[in-house]
Amino acid sequence: MLHSGIMDQLATVQTPTEGTNSIGEPTLTYSTFATRWIALLPLSGAERIASMQNEGTVTHRVRMRYTPGLKPKMRLLSDGRTFEIDSVVERGRREEHELLVTEVVD
């Protein structure tokens, strides 16, 4: 079970929406899906190497309370940082989610 004390960062979960601009080019915008307290845990070197075999460039693990409808391809915004959600795993009986995320560096 996830204890509330470990969740020390507030994050906004956003969902992508595809559209087109005024000249018909595809665009991607994001809208707020939920706001949640999270635990943001950097992966160790060994975990990063292991995750690259499956996920690509996963940089962090995120733990948060269960959020219905949460899916990969959404993103998290927290403390001025952006993280793309690569994997969503339900832990317990709808008690919490564990996410593997990749930090977006501009």
Protein backbone atom coordinates (compact mmCIF):
# COMPACT_ATOMS: atom_id res chain seq x y z
CA MET A 1 0.00 0.00 0.00
CA LEU A 2 1.21 3.49 -0.84
CA HIS A 3 1.49 5.83 2.15
CA SER A 4 0.54 9.45 1.60
CA GLY A 5 3.85 10.74 3.07
CA ILE A 6 5.82 9.40 0.10
CA MET A 7 3.70 11.34 -2.40
CA ASP A 8 5.37 14.72 -2.14
CA GLN A 9 4.94 16.23 -5.61
CA LEU A 10 1.78 17.58 -7.16
CA ALA A 11 1.37 16.58 -10.81
CA THR A 12 -1.08 17.37 -13.56
CA VAL A 13 -2.00 14.43 -15.76
CA GLN A 14 -2.75 15.52 -19.32
CA THR A 15 -4.34 13.68 -22.21
CA PRO A 16 -3.40 14.35 -25.85
CA THR A 17 -5.89 15.45 -28.48
CA GLU A 18 -5.07 15.34 -32.17
CA GLY A 19 -6.49 18.01 -34.43
CA THR A 20 -5.65 20.19 -37.38
CA ASN A 21 -4.69 23.83 -37.65
CA SER A 22 -6.19 26.42 -40.02
CA ILE A 23 -4.20 25.11 -43.01
CA GLY A 24 -4.95 21.45 -42.36
CA GLU A 25 -1.67 20.43 -40.71
CA PRO A 26 -1.94 17.92 -37.86
CA THR A 27 -1.55 19.37 -34.35
CA LEU A 28 -1.30 17.85 -30.91
CA THR A 29 -2.74 19.65 -27.89
CA TYR A 30 -3.10 18.53 -24.28
CA SER A 31 -5.92 18.99 -21.80
CA THR A 32 -5.98 18.35 -18.07
CA PHE A 33 -7.21 14.87 -17.14
CA ALA A 34 -6.50 14.91 -13.38
CA THR A 35 -4.33 16.46 -10.70
CA ARG A 36 -2.70 14.02 -8.27
CA TRP A 37 0.00 13.79 -5.62
CA ILE A 38 2.79 11.51 -6.82
CA ALA A 39 6.05 9.93 -5.71
CA LEU A 40 8.65 10.52 -8.44
CA LEU A 41 11.47 7.97 -8.20
CA PRO A 42 14.49 8.11 -10.53
CA LEU A 43 15.53 4.71 -11.89
CA SER A 44 18.91 3.33 -10.90
CA GLY A 45 21.47 2.65 -13.62
CA ALA A 46 20.69 -1.08 -13.68
CA GLU A 47 16.93 -0.44 -13.82
CA ARG A 48 17.42 2.00 -16.72
CA ILE A 49 19.43 -0.55 -18.69
CA ALA A 50 16.80 -3.24 -18.05
CA SER A 51 13.92 -0.92 -18.97
CA MET A 52 15.56 0.10 -22.25
CA GLN A 53 15.03 -3.44 -23.51
CA ASN A 54 11.26 -2.95 -23.30
CA GLU A 55 10.40 0.71 -23.05
CA GLY A 56 13.15 2.70 -24.75
CA THR A 57 14.42 5.54 -22.57
CA VAL A 58 12.44 5.26 -19.33
CA THR A 59 13.93 7.59 -16.72
CA HIS A 60 11.61 7.44 -13.68
CA ARG A 61 9.06 5.36 -11.84
CA VAL A 62 5.97 7.17 -10.55
CA ARG A 63 3.65 5.94 -7.84
CA MET A 64 0.23 7.50 -7.34
CA ARG A 65 -3.24 6.65 -6.12
CA TYR A 66 -5.39 4.67 -8.55
CA THR A 67 -6.84 6.93 -11.25
CA PRO A 68 -9.53 5.40 -13.51
CA GLY A 69 -8.87 5.97 -17.21
CA LEU A 70 -5.11 6.55 -16.87
CA LYS A 71 -3.31 5.31 -20.01
CA PRO A 72 0.08 5.29 -21.72
CA LYS A 73 0.62 8.22 -24.11
CA MET A 74 -0.71 10.65 -21.51
CA ARG A 75 1.82 12.89 -19.79
CA LEU A 76 2.60 14.31 -16.36
CA LEU A 77 3.62 17.88 -15.57
CA SER A 78 5.31 18.37 -12.21
CA ASP A 79 7.55 21.11 -10.86
CA GLY A 80 8.24 22.53 -14.34
CA ARG A 81 9.15 19.11 -15.76
CA THR A 82 7.31 17.00 -18.35
CA PHE A 83 7.13 13.19 -18.30
CA GLU A 84 5.58 11.00 -21.01
CA ILE A 85 3.78 7.94 -19.61
CA ASP A 86 5.15 4.76 -21.19
CA SER A 87 3.52 2.12 -19.00
CA VAL A 88 0.66 1.97 -16.48
CA VAL A 89 0.44 -0.90 -13.99
CA GLU A 90 -2.36 -1.30 -11.45
CA ARG A 91 -1.13 -2.36 -7.99
CA GLY A 92 -3.38 -3.91 -5.38
CA ARG A 93 -7.10 -3.79 -5.87
CA ARG A 94 -7.40 -0.41 -7.52
CA GLU A 95 -5.31 1.12 -4.75
CA GLU A 96 -2.46 2.61 -6.73
CA HIS A 97 -0.82 2.94 -10.13
CA GLU A 98 2.85 2.50 -10.90
CA LEU A 99 3.99 4.29 -14.03
CA LEU A 100 7.18 4.08 -16.05
CA VAL A 101 7.82 7.50 -17.54
CA THR A 102 10.35 9.27 -19.74
CA GLU A 103 11.37 12.82 -18.93
CA VAL A 104 11.08 15.16 -21.90
CA VAL A 105 14.13 17.39 -22.22
CA ASP A 106 13.77 20.39 -24.53
